[in-house]
Structure formats: structure tokens, C-alpha cells
């Protein structure tokens, strides 16, 4: 839990991901297209990835646990929540308030 809390507090946007996950790739691409450089933590490349995934399962209350997106220290959720924010026009203002984008 501490690592998730630390990472999410040190970066405006944190994405917990897996290199083999197509939805993770989609969410990372969305942020990159918006001009945001998220801190991406690839769980399948971390020896403690399984442990972190269990923490994310507790926080999210569902599977799959990735991608899990934090913006401004707050857990936003997975791809459904991020895409909903993007489509209803509230993602960019949220990213601006978090200091992840300026324009």
C-alpha cells in the first residue's frame, strides 16, 4: 500500500499497467496524445508487481486491476472511468488542476 501511496503522491498522473495489456496501452496513448507524461509503473516488470496488484484490487474492488489511474493523488479508476471523463470533457480540467498539463 505504501508504494502505491508514495508513487501517487509524487507524480501528477500515475498509471499502474502491464506491458501485455491492450487497454493499458490505450490509456497510456490517450494521455500521451493529450500531452501528459504520466509516471507508468509496469507491474509485470516489478518483482513486487503481484503484491502491488493485490493492493490495487483492494482499492478498486474489481478485476482487472490494470490499468489503474491516479490523477492528483486520487484514484480515478480504470479505462471505463478515464474514458468517461474524457468523453464528458472533464478529464482535461482534472489534469490541469493536478498540474499534469498547462494548455
Protein backbone atom coordinates (compact mmCIF):
# COMPACT_ATOMS: atom_id res chain seq x y z
CA UNK A 1 0.00 0.00 0.00
CA UNK A 2 2.84 2.35 0.86
CA UNK A 3 4.40 2.15 -2.61
CA UNK A 4 1.09 2.95 -4.31
CA UNK A 5 0.53 5.87 -1.95
CA UNK A 6 4.08 7.18 -2.44
CA UNK A 7 4.04 6.99 -6.23
CA UNK A 8 0.61 8.59 -6.49
CA UNK A 9 1.69 11.46 -4.24
CA UNK A 10 4.94 12.16 -6.10
CA UNK A 11 3.54 12.44 -9.63
CA UNK A 12 0.58 14.30 -11.13
CA UNK A 13 -0.51 11.20 -13.07
CA UNK A 14 0.38 7.60 -12.28
CA UNK A 15 -0.70 4.62 -14.35
CA UNK A 16 -0.25 1.12 -12.99
CA UNK A 17 0.00 -1.05 -16.06
CA UNK A 18 1.19 -4.29 -17.61
CA UNK A 19 3.21 -4.37 -20.82
CA UNK A 20 0.94 -7.04 -22.33
CA UNK A 21 -2.37 -5.27 -21.60
CA UNK A 22 -4.06 -3.69 -24.62
CA UNK A 23 -6.27 -1.40 -22.50
CA UNK A 24 -3.17 -0.21 -20.64
CA UNK A 25 -1.62 0.69 -23.99
CA UNK A 26 -4.79 2.56 -24.99
CA UNK A 27 -4.89 4.62 -21.78
CA UNK A 28 -1.17 5.42 -21.96
CA UNK A 29 -1.65 6.53 -25.58
CA UNK A 30 -4.58 8.76 -24.62
CA UNK A 31 -2.51 10.58 -22.01
CA UNK A 32 0.41 10.94 -24.40
CA UNK A 33 -1.90 12.38 -27.08
CA UNK A 34 -3.17 14.90 -24.52
CA UNK A 35 0.44 15.99 -23.91
CA UNK A 36 0.62 14.40 -20.47
CA UNK A 37 3.68 12.41 -19.41
CA UNK A 38 2.35 10.02 -16.80
CA UNK A 39 4.55 8.03 -14.47
CA UNK A 40 3.92 4.48 -15.70
CA UNK A 41 4.62 1.59 -13.36
CA UNK A 42 4.66 -1.73 -15.23
CA UNK A 43 3.62 -4.39 -12.73
CA UNK A 44 4.87 -7.27 -14.86
CA UNK A 45 8.37 -5.80 -14.75
CA UNK A 46 8.43 -5.28 -10.98
CA UNK A 47 9.38 -8.12 -8.61
CA UNK A 48 6.69 -6.79 -6.25
CA UNK A 49 4.12 -6.45 -9.04
CA UNK A 50 1.83 -9.18 -7.70
CA UNK A 51 1.84 -7.55 -4.27
CA UNK A 52 1.01 -4.15 -5.78
CA UNK A 53 -1.75 -5.72 -7.85
CA UNK A 54 -3.36 -7.07 -4.67
CA UNK A 55 -3.32 -3.54 -3.22
CA UNK A 56 -4.95 -2.23 -6.40
CA UNK A 57 -7.57 -4.99 -6.19
CA UNK A 58 -8.41 -3.80 -2.67
CA UNK A 59 -8.61 -0.16 -3.78
CA UNK A 60 -10.58 -0.82 -6.97
CA UNK A 61 -12.69 -3.68 -5.69
CA UNK A 62 -12.62 -5.37 -9.08
CA UNK A 63 -10.57 -7.17 -11.69
CA UNK A 64 -8.82 -6.44 -13.95
CA UNK A 65 -6.70 -4.22 -11.76
CA UNK A 66 -4.84 -2.59 -14.64
CA UNK A 67 -4.77 -0.01 -15.92
CA UNK A 68 -5.27 1.82 -12.64
CA UNK A 69 -5.01 5.59 -12.98
CA UNK A 70 -4.27 8.13 -10.26
CA UNK A 71 -4.58 11.85 -11.01
CA UNK A 72 -3.60 14.41 -8.40
CA UNK A 73 -3.18 11.72 -5.72
CA UNK A 74 -6.72 10.47 -6.30
CA UNK A 75 -7.61 7.06 -7.68
CA UNK A 76 -9.65 7.71 -10.80
CA UNK A 77 -10.12 4.06 -11.72
CA UNK A 78 -9.63 2.07 -14.88
CA UNK A 79 -10.28 2.59 -18.57
CA UNK A 80 -14.06 2.99 -18.22
CA UNK A 81 -13.70 5.82 -15.71
CA UNK A 82 -10.91 7.56 -17.65
CA UNK A 83 -12.77 7.34 -20.96
CA UNK A 84 -15.98 8.61 -19.34
CA UNK A 85 -14.09 11.65 -18.02
CA UNK A 86 -12.51 12.18 -21.44
CA UNK A 87 -15.78 11.92 -23.35
CA UNK A 88 -17.72 14.20 -21.00
CA UNK A 89 -14.98 16.84 -21.12
CA UNK A 90 -13.85 16.69 -17.51
CA UNK A 91 -10.52 14.88 -17.95
CA UNK A 92 -8.55 17.87 -19.24
CA UNK A 93 -9.65 20.22 -16.43
CA UNK A 94 -8.79 17.50 -13.90
CA UNK A 95 -5.33 17.11 -15.44
CA UNK A 96 -4.82 20.88 -15.40
CA UNK A 97 -5.77 21.12 -11.71
CA UNK A 98 -3.31 18.30 -10.96
CA UNK A 99 -0.53 20.15 -12.79
CA UNK A 100 -0.19 17.46 -15.45
CA UNK A 101 -0.99 19.78 -18.36
CA UNK A 102 -0.90 23.51 -18.86
CA UNK A 103 -2.84 24.30 -22.04
